[in-house]
N, C-alpha and C. Protein backbone atom coordinates (compact mmCIF):
# COMPACT_ATOMS: atom_id res chain seq x y z
N MET A 1 0.85 -1.17 0.01
CA MET A 1 0.00 0.03 -0.02
C MET A 1 0.86 1.24 -0.01
N THR A 2 0.50 2.22 -0.79
CA THR A 2 1.24 3.50 -0.81
C THR A 2 0.66 4.48 0.19
N THR A 3 1.42 4.98 1.06
CA THR A 3 0.99 5.96 2.03
C THR A 3 1.90 7.19 2.05
N ARG A 4 1.39 8.35 2.29
CA ARG A 4 2.15 9.56 2.32
C ARG A 4 2.98 9.59 3.58
N ALA A 5 4.29 9.94 3.45
CA ALA A 5 5.21 10.11 4.58
C ALA A 5 6.14 11.30 4.23
N SER A 6 6.71 11.85 5.26
CA SER A 6 7.65 12.95 5.00
C SER A 6 8.77 12.92 5.95
N TYR A 7 9.97 12.95 5.37
CA TYR A 7 11.17 13.14 6.20
C TYR A 7 11.70 14.53 5.88
N PRO A 8 11.87 15.43 6.82
CA PRO A 8 12.21 16.83 6.59
C PRO A 8 13.47 17.00 5.79
N VAL A 9 13.45 17.89 4.80
CA VAL A 9 14.66 18.20 4.03
C VAL A 9 15.35 19.42 4.71
N VAL A 10 16.53 19.18 5.22
CA VAL A 10 17.28 20.26 5.91
C VAL A 10 17.74 21.29 4.92
N SER A 11 18.29 20.82 3.80
CA SER A 11 18.77 21.73 2.75
C SER A 11 18.87 20.88 1.41
N THR A 12 18.92 21.57 0.35
CA THR A 12 19.03 20.94 -0.95
C THR A 12 19.96 21.73 -1.84
N GLU A 13 20.53 21.08 -2.86
CA GLU A 13 21.38 21.71 -3.83
C GLU A 13 21.16 21.04 -5.23
N VAL A 14 21.17 21.91 -6.27
CA VAL A 14 21.01 21.36 -7.59
C VAL A 14 22.39 20.97 -8.13
N LEU A 15 22.47 19.69 -8.61
CA LEU A 15 23.76 19.26 -9.12
C LEU A 15 23.75 19.32 -10.68
N LEU A 16 22.64 19.25 -11.31
CA LEU A 16 22.55 19.25 -12.77
C LEU A 16 21.15 19.70 -13.19
N ARG A 17 21.14 20.57 -14.15
CA ARG A 17 19.88 21.00 -14.76
C ARG A 17 19.91 20.68 -16.23
N GLY A 18 19.31 19.59 -16.61
CA GLY A 18 19.36 19.11 -17.97
C GLY A 18 18.11 19.55 -18.77
N ARG A 19 18.13 19.10 -20.01
CA ARG A 19 17.01 19.45 -20.96
C ARG A 19 15.73 18.70 -20.47
N ILE A 20 15.89 17.43 -20.08
CA ILE A 20 14.68 16.67 -19.63
C ILE A 20 14.80 16.38 -18.15
N LEU A 21 15.93 16.02 -17.64
CA LEU A 21 16.09 15.62 -16.25
C LEU A 21 16.95 16.63 -15.49
N SER A 22 16.76 16.69 -14.19
CA SER A 22 17.57 17.45 -13.28
C SER A 22 17.95 16.54 -12.16
N VAL A 23 19.10 16.85 -11.53
CA VAL A 23 19.58 16.04 -10.38
C VAL A 23 19.84 17.05 -9.23
N ARG A 24 19.32 16.63 -8.08
CA ARG A 24 19.56 17.45 -6.91
C ARG A 24 20.03 16.58 -5.75
N ARG A 25 20.68 17.17 -4.76
CA ARG A 25 21.06 16.46 -3.55
C ARG A 25 20.31 17.01 -2.31
N ASP A 26 19.51 16.18 -1.72
CA ASP A 26 18.81 16.57 -0.56
C ASP A 26 19.50 16.10 0.72
N HIS A 27 19.56 16.95 1.73
CA HIS A 27 20.09 16.57 3.06
C HIS A 27 18.83 16.31 3.91
N VAL A 28 18.58 15.03 4.17
CA VAL A 28 17.31 14.61 4.77
C VAL A 28 17.49 14.16 6.17
N GLN A 29 16.59 14.63 7.06
CA GLN A 29 16.61 14.23 8.45
C GLN A 29 15.85 12.87 8.58
N MET A 30 16.60 11.91 9.13
CA MET A 30 16.07 10.60 9.32
C MET A 30 15.26 10.47 10.61
N SER A 31 14.57 9.34 10.79
CA SER A 31 13.75 9.16 11.94
C SER A 31 14.48 9.23 13.27
N ASP A 32 15.74 8.93 13.27
CA ASP A 32 16.58 8.97 14.49
C ASP A 32 17.26 10.34 14.74
N GLY A 33 16.97 11.27 13.83
CA GLY A 33 17.50 12.63 14.01
C GLY A 33 18.77 12.86 13.21
N SER A 34 19.37 11.80 12.65
CA SER A 34 20.59 11.97 11.82
C SER A 34 20.20 12.61 10.54
N VAL A 35 21.17 13.06 9.78
CA VAL A 35 21.00 13.61 8.43
C VAL A 35 21.72 12.82 7.43
N ALA A 36 21.05 12.41 6.33
CA ALA A 36 21.63 11.63 5.28
C ALA A 36 21.42 12.34 3.90
N ASP A 37 22.41 12.12 3.03
CA ASP A 37 22.35 12.73 1.65
C ASP A 37 21.55 11.75 0.76
N ARG A 38 20.69 12.33 -0.07
CA ARG A 38 19.92 11.51 -1.03
C ARG A 38 19.99 12.30 -2.35
N GLU A 39 20.60 11.65 -3.37
CA GLU A 39 20.62 12.28 -4.72
C GLU A 39 19.40 11.84 -5.48
N ILE A 40 18.65 12.81 -6.02
CA ILE A 40 17.36 12.60 -6.60
C ILE A 40 17.33 13.04 -8.03
N VAL A 41 16.90 12.16 -8.93
CA VAL A 41 16.65 12.53 -10.33
C VAL A 41 15.23 13.01 -10.46
N GLU A 42 15.08 14.29 -10.88
CA GLU A 42 13.77 14.84 -11.09
C GLU A 42 13.33 14.52 -12.55
N HIS A 43 12.13 14.05 -12.65
CA HIS A 43 11.63 13.55 -13.98
C HIS A 43 10.24 14.09 -14.22
N PRO A 44 9.89 14.47 -15.43
CA PRO A 44 8.56 15.06 -15.71
C PRO A 44 7.42 14.05 -15.64
N GLY A 45 7.72 12.77 -15.56
CA GLY A 45 6.71 11.75 -15.68
C GLY A 45 6.46 11.28 -17.11
N ALA A 46 5.75 10.16 -17.22
CA ALA A 46 5.59 9.57 -18.55
C ALA A 46 4.32 8.80 -18.63
N VAL A 47 3.85 8.46 -19.82
CA VAL A 47 2.73 7.56 -20.02
C VAL A 47 3.15 6.42 -20.97
N GLY A 48 2.52 5.29 -20.78
CA GLY A 48 2.68 4.16 -21.64
C GLY A 48 1.34 3.65 -22.04
N ILE A 49 1.21 2.94 -23.16
CA ILE A 49 -0.05 2.53 -23.65
C ILE A 49 -0.01 1.04 -23.99
N LEU A 50 -0.82 0.24 -23.27
CA LEU A 50 -0.98 -1.18 -23.68
C LEU A 50 -2.18 -1.21 -24.61
N ALA A 51 -1.84 -1.19 -25.89
CA ALA A 51 -2.89 -1.18 -26.97
C ALA A 51 -3.19 -2.63 -27.36
N LEU A 52 -4.45 -3.02 -27.17
CA LEU A 52 -4.91 -4.37 -27.42
C LEU A 52 -5.96 -4.37 -28.52
N ASP A 53 -5.62 -5.11 -29.59
CA ASP A 53 -6.56 -5.07 -30.70
C ASP A 53 -7.68 -6.09 -30.61
N GLU A 54 -8.53 -6.14 -31.62
CA GLU A 54 -9.72 -7.05 -31.57
C GLU A 54 -9.33 -8.50 -31.58
N ASN A 55 -8.09 -8.81 -31.98
CA ASN A 55 -7.64 -10.24 -32.00
C ASN A 55 -6.92 -10.59 -30.72
N GLY A 56 -6.86 -9.73 -29.76
CA GLY A 56 -6.16 -9.98 -28.51
C GLY A 56 -4.64 -9.84 -28.63
N GLU A 57 -4.21 -9.06 -29.63
CA GLU A 57 -2.76 -8.81 -29.80
C GLU A 57 -2.37 -7.49 -29.26
N VAL A 58 -1.15 -7.43 -28.73
CA VAL A 58 -0.60 -6.20 -28.15
C VAL A 58 0.36 -5.54 -29.18
N LEU A 59 0.29 -4.21 -29.20
CA LEU A 59 1.20 -3.48 -30.07
C LEU A 59 2.48 -3.20 -29.29
N LEU A 60 3.56 -3.72 -29.79
CA LEU A 60 4.88 -3.44 -29.17
C LEU A 60 5.76 -2.66 -30.19
N VAL A 61 6.47 -1.70 -29.66
CA VAL A 61 7.46 -0.98 -30.43
C VAL A 61 8.84 -1.54 -29.97
N ASN A 62 9.76 -1.46 -30.92
CA ASN A 62 11.17 -1.90 -30.60
C ASN A 62 12.07 -0.80 -31.03
N GLN A 63 12.92 -0.27 -30.05
CA GLN A 63 13.81 0.81 -30.41
C GLN A 63 15.07 0.73 -29.59
N TYR A 64 16.08 1.44 -30.12
CA TYR A 64 17.38 1.49 -29.47
C TYR A 64 17.36 2.42 -28.26
N ARG A 65 17.92 1.95 -27.16
CA ARG A 65 18.05 2.76 -25.91
C ARG A 65 19.51 2.87 -25.59
N HIS A 66 19.97 4.08 -25.70
CA HIS A 66 21.44 4.31 -25.55
C HIS A 66 21.96 3.93 -24.19
N ALA A 67 21.19 4.22 -23.20
CA ALA A 67 21.70 4.00 -21.79
C ALA A 67 22.10 2.56 -21.57
N VAL A 68 21.36 1.63 -22.19
CA VAL A 68 21.69 0.24 -22.01
C VAL A 68 22.31 -0.40 -23.23
N GLY A 69 22.47 0.34 -24.35
CA GLY A 69 23.08 -0.05 -25.53
C GLY A 69 22.39 -1.23 -26.21
N GLU A 70 21.07 -1.28 -26.09
CA GLU A 70 20.28 -2.40 -26.66
C GLU A 70 19.02 -1.86 -27.30
N ARG A 71 18.47 -2.68 -28.24
CA ARG A 71 17.11 -2.46 -28.73
C ARG A 71 16.18 -3.21 -27.80
N LEU A 72 15.07 -2.51 -27.39
CA LEU A 72 14.16 -3.11 -26.40
C LEU A 72 12.74 -3.17 -26.96
N ASP A 73 12.08 -4.24 -26.58
CA ASP A 73 10.60 -4.29 -26.83
C ASP A 73 9.97 -3.38 -25.79
N GLU A 74 9.08 -2.43 -26.14
CA GLU A 74 8.47 -1.57 -25.25
C GLU A 74 6.99 -1.34 -25.67
N LEU A 75 6.25 -0.69 -24.78
CA LEU A 75 4.92 -0.16 -25.16
C LEU A 75 5.09 1.22 -25.77
N PRO A 76 4.21 1.66 -26.69
CA PRO A 76 4.28 3.02 -27.10
C PRO A 76 4.19 3.88 -25.80
N ALA A 77 5.09 4.93 -25.74
CA ALA A 77 5.20 5.70 -24.50
C ALA A 77 5.86 7.03 -24.78
N GLY A 78 5.79 7.93 -23.80
CA GLY A 78 6.40 9.17 -24.00
C GLY A 78 6.39 10.03 -22.74
N LEU A 79 7.22 11.08 -22.72
CA LEU A 79 7.29 11.99 -21.59
C LEU A 79 6.09 12.87 -21.47
N LEU A 80 5.82 13.33 -20.28
CA LEU A 80 4.80 14.35 -20.04
C LEU A 80 5.51 15.67 -20.02
N ASP A 81 5.96 16.14 -21.18
CA ASP A 81 6.76 17.32 -21.33
C ASP A 81 6.09 18.43 -22.23
N VAL A 82 4.77 18.33 -22.43
CA VAL A 82 4.10 19.36 -23.09
C VAL A 82 3.22 20.14 -22.09
N ALA A 83 3.47 21.42 -21.93
CA ALA A 83 2.83 22.25 -20.92
C ALA A 83 1.30 22.22 -21.14
N GLY A 84 0.56 21.92 -20.06
CA GLY A 84 -0.87 21.99 -20.10
C GLY A 84 -1.53 20.73 -20.72
N GLU A 85 -0.72 19.76 -21.14
CA GLU A 85 -1.33 18.55 -21.76
C GLU A 85 -1.67 17.54 -20.67
N SER A 86 -2.86 17.03 -20.69
CA SER A 86 -3.27 15.98 -19.73
C SER A 86 -2.49 14.70 -20.02
N ALA A 87 -2.43 13.85 -19.05
CA ALA A 87 -1.77 12.55 -19.24
C ALA A 87 -2.51 11.72 -20.31
N LEU A 88 -3.81 11.75 -20.33
CA LEU A 88 -4.58 11.02 -21.32
C LEU A 88 -4.34 11.59 -22.74
N ASP A 89 -4.31 12.89 -22.85
CA ASP A 89 -4.06 13.43 -24.17
C ASP A 89 -2.62 13.09 -24.62
N ALA A 90 -1.69 13.06 -23.72
CA ALA A 90 -0.30 12.68 -24.05
C ALA A 90 -0.27 11.22 -24.52
N ALA A 91 -1.05 10.35 -23.86
CA ALA A 91 -1.10 8.92 -24.27
C ALA A 91 -1.72 8.79 -25.67
N LYS A 92 -2.74 9.55 -25.93
CA LYS A 92 -3.34 9.46 -27.29
C LYS A 92 -2.39 9.90 -28.35
N ARG A 93 -1.65 11.01 -28.07
CA ARG A 93 -0.63 11.53 -28.98
C ARG A 93 0.46 10.55 -29.22
N GLU A 94 0.97 9.92 -28.15
CA GLU A 94 2.07 8.99 -28.30
C GLU A 94 1.66 7.76 -29.03
N LEU A 95 0.46 7.26 -28.80
CA LEU A 95 0.00 6.04 -29.50
C LEU A 95 -0.13 6.35 -30.99
N ALA A 96 -0.64 7.45 -31.37
CA ALA A 96 -0.74 7.82 -32.78
C ALA A 96 0.60 8.04 -33.38
N GLU A 97 1.61 8.69 -32.69
CA GLU A 97 2.90 8.95 -33.25
C GLU A 97 3.79 7.69 -33.39
N GLU A 98 3.78 6.83 -32.37
CA GLU A 98 4.63 5.64 -32.33
C GLU A 98 4.07 4.44 -32.95
N ALA A 99 2.76 4.14 -32.81
CA ALA A 99 2.18 2.93 -33.31
C ALA A 99 1.21 3.16 -34.47
N PHE A 100 0.95 4.44 -34.79
CA PHE A 100 0.15 4.82 -35.98
C PHE A 100 -1.32 4.32 -35.77
N VAL A 101 -1.82 4.34 -34.58
CA VAL A 101 -3.20 3.97 -34.31
C VAL A 101 -3.84 4.95 -33.32
N THR A 102 -5.17 5.02 -33.40
CA THR A 102 -5.94 5.69 -32.37
C THR A 102 -6.80 4.68 -31.65
N ALA A 103 -7.38 5.04 -30.57
CA ALA A 103 -8.22 4.07 -29.81
C ALA A 103 -9.52 4.85 -29.33
N ALA A 104 -10.58 4.13 -29.35
CA ALA A 104 -11.85 4.69 -28.90
C ALA A 104 -12.17 4.39 -27.48
N ASP A 105 -11.50 3.37 -26.89
CA ASP A 105 -11.82 3.00 -25.51
C ASP A 105 -10.50 3.06 -24.71
N TRP A 106 -10.57 3.86 -23.62
CA TRP A 106 -9.41 4.09 -22.74
C TRP A 106 -9.67 3.88 -21.29
N HIS A 107 -8.82 3.17 -20.60
CA HIS A 107 -8.89 2.99 -19.18
C HIS A 107 -7.43 3.09 -18.60
N VAL A 108 -7.36 3.38 -17.28
CA VAL A 108 -6.09 3.24 -16.60
C VAL A 108 -5.84 1.80 -16.29
N LEU A 109 -4.67 1.32 -16.66
CA LEU A 109 -4.30 -0.08 -16.39
C LEU A 109 -3.51 -0.13 -15.08
N LEU A 110 -2.54 0.72 -14.87
CA LEU A 110 -1.73 0.74 -13.63
C LEU A 110 -0.85 1.98 -13.63
N ASP A 111 -0.37 2.31 -12.39
CA ASP A 111 0.52 3.42 -12.11
C ASP A 111 1.76 2.84 -11.50
N LEU A 112 2.92 3.42 -11.89
CA LEU A 112 4.22 2.89 -11.48
C LEU A 112 5.14 3.96 -10.97
N HIS A 113 5.98 3.62 -9.99
CA HIS A 113 7.22 4.38 -9.63
C HIS A 113 8.36 3.39 -10.04
N PRO A 114 8.93 3.58 -11.20
CA PRO A 114 9.96 2.59 -11.70
C PRO A 114 11.27 2.61 -10.87
N SER A 115 11.66 3.77 -10.29
CA SER A 115 12.88 3.80 -9.61
C SER A 115 12.80 4.68 -8.39
N PRO A 116 11.94 4.35 -7.43
CA PRO A 116 11.64 5.25 -6.24
C PRO A 116 12.89 5.47 -5.31
N GLY A 117 13.87 4.65 -5.49
CA GLY A 117 15.06 4.82 -4.61
C GLY A 117 15.88 6.09 -4.93
N PHE A 118 15.73 6.60 -6.16
CA PHE A 118 16.50 7.75 -6.54
C PHE A 118 15.82 8.68 -7.49
N SER A 119 14.55 8.44 -7.82
CA SER A 119 13.88 9.35 -8.79
C SER A 119 12.41 9.48 -8.43
N ASP A 120 11.82 10.69 -8.74
CA ASP A 120 10.42 10.91 -8.56
C ASP A 120 9.60 10.52 -9.74
N GLU A 121 10.27 9.83 -10.73
CA GLU A 121 9.51 9.45 -11.96
C GLU A 121 8.27 8.63 -11.65
N ALA A 122 7.22 8.97 -12.31
CA ALA A 122 5.96 8.15 -12.24
C ALA A 122 5.50 7.90 -13.64
N ILE A 123 4.96 6.74 -13.86
CA ILE A 123 4.47 6.33 -15.18
C ILE A 123 3.02 5.84 -15.04
N ARG A 124 2.13 6.35 -15.83
CA ARG A 124 0.77 5.80 -15.90
C ARG A 124 0.65 5.05 -17.22
N VAL A 125 0.20 3.76 -17.10
CA VAL A 125 0.05 2.87 -18.20
C VAL A 125 -1.50 2.74 -18.45
N TYR A 126 -1.86 3.11 -19.69
CA TYR A 126 -3.29 3.00 -20.06
C TYR A 126 -3.50 1.70 -20.87
N LEU A 127 -4.75 1.23 -20.79
CA LEU A 127 -5.23 0.20 -21.71
C LEU A 127 -6.06 0.89 -22.79
N ALA A 128 -5.65 0.65 -23.99
CA ALA A 128 -6.39 1.28 -25.13
C ALA A 128 -6.89 0.19 -26.05
N ARG A 129 -8.16 0.25 -26.34
CA ARG A 129 -8.85 -0.75 -27.22
C ARG A 129 -9.68 -0.07 -28.28
N GLU A 130 -10.30 -0.87 -29.16
CA GLU A 130 -11.02 -0.38 -30.27
C GLU A 130 -10.14 0.52 -31.11
N LEU A 131 -9.14 -0.15 -31.69
CA LEU A 131 -8.05 0.58 -32.43
C LEU A 131 -8.46 0.90 -33.87
N SER A 132 -7.93 1.94 -34.31
CA SER A 132 -8.13 2.36 -35.77
C SER A 132 -6.74 2.90 -36.30
N ALA A 133 -6.44 2.63 -37.54
CA ALA A 133 -5.19 3.08 -38.11
C ALA A 133 -5.24 4.61 -38.38
N VAL A 134 -4.08 5.23 -38.14
CA VAL A 134 -3.90 6.60 -38.54
C VAL A 134 -3.63 6.68 -40.02
N ALA A 135 -4.26 7.60 -40.75
CA ALA A 135 -4.04 7.68 -42.17
C ALA A 135 -2.57 8.00 -42.47
N GLU A 136 -2.09 7.48 -43.58
CA GLU A 136 -0.67 7.58 -43.96
C GLU A 136 -0.27 9.05 -43.95
N ALA A 137 -1.14 9.91 -44.50
CA ALA A 137 -0.78 11.36 -44.64
C ALA A 137 -0.70 12.08 -43.33
N ASP A 138 -1.29 11.51 -42.25
CA ASP A 138 -1.34 12.18 -40.92
C ASP A 138 -0.28 11.62 -39.98
N ARG A 139 0.61 10.69 -40.43
CA ARG A 139 1.52 10.08 -39.51
C ARG A 139 2.64 10.99 -39.15
N PHE A 140 3.14 10.85 -37.93
CA PHE A 140 4.24 11.65 -37.40
C PHE A 140 5.56 11.23 -38.07
N GLU A 141 6.38 12.27 -38.35
CA GLU A 141 7.65 12.00 -39.03
C GLU A 141 8.69 11.68 -37.88
N PRO A 142 9.24 10.47 -37.86
CA PRO A 142 10.14 10.11 -36.74
C PRO A 142 11.49 10.81 -36.86
N GLU A 143 12.21 10.90 -35.71
CA GLU A 143 13.56 11.42 -35.74
C GLU A 143 14.38 10.73 -34.69
N HIS A 144 15.71 10.93 -34.76
CA HIS A 144 16.62 10.28 -33.77
C HIS A 144 16.44 8.79 -33.73
N GLU A 145 16.37 8.18 -32.52
CA GLU A 145 16.25 6.71 -32.38
C GLU A 145 14.92 6.23 -33.02
N GLU A 146 13.95 7.06 -33.06
CA GLU A 146 12.64 6.63 -33.56
C GLU A 146 12.69 6.35 -35.08
N ILE A 147 13.73 6.77 -35.79
CA ILE A 147 13.82 6.53 -37.21
C ILE A 147 13.90 5.02 -37.50
N THR A 148 14.47 4.30 -36.62
CA THR A 148 14.60 2.82 -36.81
C THR A 148 13.65 2.04 -35.96
N MET A 149 12.69 2.70 -35.34
CA MET A 149 11.76 2.04 -34.47
C MET A 149 10.83 1.12 -35.35
N THR A 150 10.53 -0.10 -34.79
CA THR A 150 9.60 -0.94 -35.49
C THR A 150 8.39 -1.17 -34.66
N VAL A 151 7.31 -1.58 -35.27
CA VAL A 151 6.04 -1.85 -34.55
C VAL A 151 5.59 -3.25 -34.94
N GLU A 152 5.22 -4.06 -33.96
CA GLU A 152 4.68 -5.38 -34.26
C GLU A 152 3.47 -5.67 -33.32
N ARG A 153 2.64 -6.55 -33.78
CA ARG A 153 1.50 -7.01 -32.96
C ARG A 153 1.76 -8.46 -32.54
N VAL A 154 1.70 -8.73 -31.30
CA VAL A 154 1.94 -10.10 -30.83
C VAL A 154 0.79 -10.48 -29.89
N PRO A 155 0.44 -11.80 -29.83
CA PRO A 155 -0.59 -12.21 -28.92
C PRO A 155 -0.16 -11.84 -27.49
N LEU A 156 -1.18 -11.52 -26.69
CA LEU A 156 -0.87 -11.17 -25.31
C LEU A 156 -0.10 -12.27 -24.59
N ALA A 157 -0.41 -13.49 -24.86
CA ALA A 157 0.32 -14.62 -24.23
C ALA A 157 1.78 -14.61 -24.62
N GLU A 158 2.09 -14.24 -25.88
CA GLU A 158 3.46 -14.20 -26.31
C GLU A 158 4.18 -13.06 -25.63
N ALA A 159 3.52 -11.95 -25.49
CA ALA A 159 4.10 -10.78 -24.71
C ALA A 159 4.40 -11.18 -23.29
N VAL A 160 3.47 -11.90 -22.64
CA VAL A 160 3.71 -12.44 -21.32
C VAL A 160 4.91 -13.34 -21.29
N ARG A 161 5.03 -14.22 -22.29
CA ARG A 161 6.21 -15.09 -22.32
C ARG A 161 7.48 -14.37 -22.43
N ARG A 162 7.53 -13.30 -23.20
CA ARG A 162 8.74 -12.46 -23.32
C ARG A 162 9.08 -11.79 -21.95
N ALA A 163 8.01 -11.35 -21.26
CA ALA A 163 8.26 -10.74 -19.97
C ALA A 163 8.84 -11.71 -18.94
N LEU A 164 8.33 -12.94 -19.00
CA LEU A 164 8.75 -13.94 -17.99
C LEU A 164 10.08 -14.61 -18.34
N ASP A 165 10.41 -14.63 -19.63
CA ASP A 165 11.69 -15.34 -19.99
C ASP A 165 12.85 -14.36 -20.05
N GLY A 166 12.61 -13.11 -19.76
CA GLY A 166 13.72 -12.13 -19.75
C GLY A 166 13.97 -11.44 -21.01
N SER A 167 13.35 -11.77 -22.08
CA SER A 167 13.59 -11.15 -23.40
C SER A 167 12.93 -9.75 -23.53
N MET A 168 11.97 -9.44 -22.64
CA MET A 168 11.34 -8.10 -22.53
C MET A 168 11.78 -7.56 -21.16
N THR A 169 12.51 -6.46 -21.09
CA THR A 169 13.02 -5.98 -19.84
C THR A 169 12.60 -4.52 -19.46
N ASN A 170 11.96 -3.83 -20.43
CA ASN A 170 11.45 -2.50 -20.14
C ASN A 170 10.42 -2.62 -19.00
N ALA A 171 10.63 -1.84 -17.94
CA ALA A 171 9.80 -2.00 -16.77
C ALA A 171 8.32 -1.70 -17.03
N ALA A 172 7.98 -0.64 -17.77
CA ALA A 172 6.58 -0.35 -17.99
C ALA A 172 5.93 -1.40 -18.87
N ALA A 173 6.69 -1.92 -19.83
CA ALA A 173 6.16 -2.95 -20.75
C ALA A 173 5.98 -4.27 -20.00
N VAL A 174 6.86 -4.64 -19.14
CA VAL A 174 6.65 -5.87 -18.36
C VAL A 174 5.47 -5.71 -17.48
N ALA A 175 5.37 -4.62 -16.72
CA ALA A 175 4.27 -4.39 -15.77
C ALA A 175 2.95 -4.35 -16.53
N GLY A 176 2.95 -3.63 -17.69
CA GLY A 176 1.74 -3.47 -18.43
C GLY A 176 1.22 -4.74 -19.01
N VAL A 177 2.11 -5.57 -19.54
CA VAL A 177 1.73 -6.86 -20.12
C VAL A 177 1.18 -7.80 -19.09
N LEU A 178 1.90 -7.84 -17.91
CA LEU A 178 1.35 -8.78 -16.88
C LEU A 178 0.06 -8.25 -16.31
N ALA A 179 -0.08 -6.96 -16.17
CA ALA A 179 -1.30 -6.38 -15.65
C ALA A 179 -2.49 -6.65 -16.65
N ALA A 180 -2.16 -6.56 -17.89
CA ALA A 180 -3.20 -6.83 -18.94
C ALA A 180 -3.66 -8.30 -18.86
N ALA A 181 -2.69 -9.18 -18.73
CA ALA A 181 -3.05 -10.57 -18.62
C ALA A 181 -3.90 -10.84 -17.41
N GLY A 182 -3.55 -10.23 -16.23
CA GLY A 182 -4.36 -10.42 -15.08
C GLY A 182 -5.72 -9.74 -15.15
N GLY A 183 -5.72 -8.58 -15.81
CA GLY A 183 -7.02 -7.86 -16.00
C GLY A 183 -7.99 -8.61 -16.89
N GLN A 184 -7.41 -9.15 -17.97
CA GLN A 184 -8.26 -9.91 -18.94
C GLN A 184 -8.78 -11.10 -18.28
N ALA A 185 -7.98 -11.80 -17.40
CA ALA A 185 -8.48 -12.98 -16.74
C ALA A 185 -9.59 -12.75 -15.76
N SER A 186 -9.66 -11.51 -15.25
CA SER A 186 -10.70 -11.15 -14.29
C SER A 186 -11.81 -10.39 -14.94
N GLY A 187 -11.82 -10.33 -16.29
CA GLY A 187 -12.89 -9.65 -16.96
C GLY A 187 -12.78 -8.13 -16.87
N TRP A 188 -11.56 -7.62 -16.67
CA TRP A 188 -11.23 -6.21 -16.59
C TRP A 188 -12.00 -5.54 -15.44
N SER A 189 -12.32 -6.25 -14.41
CA SER A 189 -13.15 -5.73 -13.28
C SER A 189 -12.53 -4.60 -12.52
N ALA A 190 -11.20 -4.55 -12.54
CA ALA A 190 -10.48 -3.61 -11.65
C ALA A 190 -10.03 -2.30 -12.41
N LEU A 191 -10.46 -2.13 -13.69
CA LEU A 191 -9.98 -0.97 -14.42
C LEU A 191 -10.54 0.29 -13.88
N ARG A 192 -9.66 1.36 -13.92
CA ARG A 192 -10.13 2.69 -13.52
C ARG A 192 -10.42 3.52 -14.72
N PRO A 193 -11.27 4.56 -14.60
CA PRO A 193 -11.59 5.39 -15.74
C PRO A 193 -10.33 6.09 -16.20
N ALA A 194 -10.31 6.50 -17.50
CA ALA A 194 -9.09 7.14 -18.09
C ALA A 194 -8.68 8.44 -17.42
N ASP A 195 -9.65 9.11 -16.79
CA ASP A 195 -9.35 10.32 -16.13
C ASP A 195 -9.26 10.20 -14.57
N ALA A 196 -8.95 9.00 -14.14
CA ALA A 196 -8.80 8.77 -12.69
C ALA A 196 -7.70 9.61 -12.07
N PRO A 197 -7.86 10.09 -10.86
CA PRO A 197 -6.87 10.94 -10.20
C PRO A 197 -5.48 10.24 -10.27
N TRP A 198 -4.41 11.12 -10.34
CA TRP A 198 -3.09 10.57 -10.38
C TRP A 198 -2.21 11.42 -9.54
N PRO A 199 -2.34 11.32 -8.19
CA PRO A 199 -1.58 12.23 -7.28
C PRO A 199 -0.08 12.02 -7.36
N ALA A 200 0.42 10.86 -7.85
CA ALA A 200 1.87 10.64 -7.93
C ALA A 200 2.54 11.37 -9.14
N ARG A 201 1.75 11.92 -10.07
CA ARG A 201 2.38 12.54 -11.21
C ARG A 201 3.26 13.66 -10.75
N PRO A 202 4.54 13.70 -11.19
CA PRO A 202 5.46 14.77 -10.73
C PRO A 202 4.89 16.12 -11.09
N GLY A 203 5.06 17.06 -10.10
CA GLY A 203 4.58 18.43 -10.29
C GLY A 203 3.14 18.65 -10.03
N HIS A 204 2.39 17.60 -9.64
CA HIS A 204 0.98 17.72 -9.33
C HIS A 204 0.64 17.31 -7.91
C-alpha cells in the first residue's frame, strides 16, 4: 500500500539542470535525527499505452536505448513534457505517433514508480482498445532513435512469455503486459476510468 510520509529536508542543492532531467542532492533528516544525503533525479513523468486489438494482440514498439546499448521491446510511450497537456491526451498523442493507431476505448491499467530509490519518476500505463489506423498522410515524421523504431503485434500470451523469460526488460512494458493478462483473466473488473486521479504525477 502507498501511504504519504515525509522526512524533513534540511537543505538541498541542484547538481545538474538538464533538458529533460535534473539532479539534486537533498540533506534529509532521518527518523533517529541523523541527516543523510539523497541524490534525486527529477523527472517530468511519462505515459505508456498497452494497446490491445480485436484479436487480442498487443502493439509493441522496438527501439534503441542508448543508456543500455540495446534495442528493447516496449509499449508506445512518452514523456509528459508538453505544458498543459493531460496525461490522457499525451497517451493518445504517443499512441498515434509511435504505433500509428488511435483508440476509442481508454482506461487506466496501472501506475508505477519505476525507480523510487533515486527518482520521482511516475508512469501511468493506459489500456487502449477499439483501435483504428492513422491515415498515412497524418503520420508523425520520426527522428533520432525513432527513425529505426519498428512496430509489431503479438498475442498477449506471447508478450507475457517475453516478460517472464527475460527477453522483454522494459519496466513499464513488463508491468503493463502482466497487468493486462491479469485484468483480462478477471474480466477487466479492476480498471479505472481514463481520467482517474493521479496524485503521484510529478509536479501535481
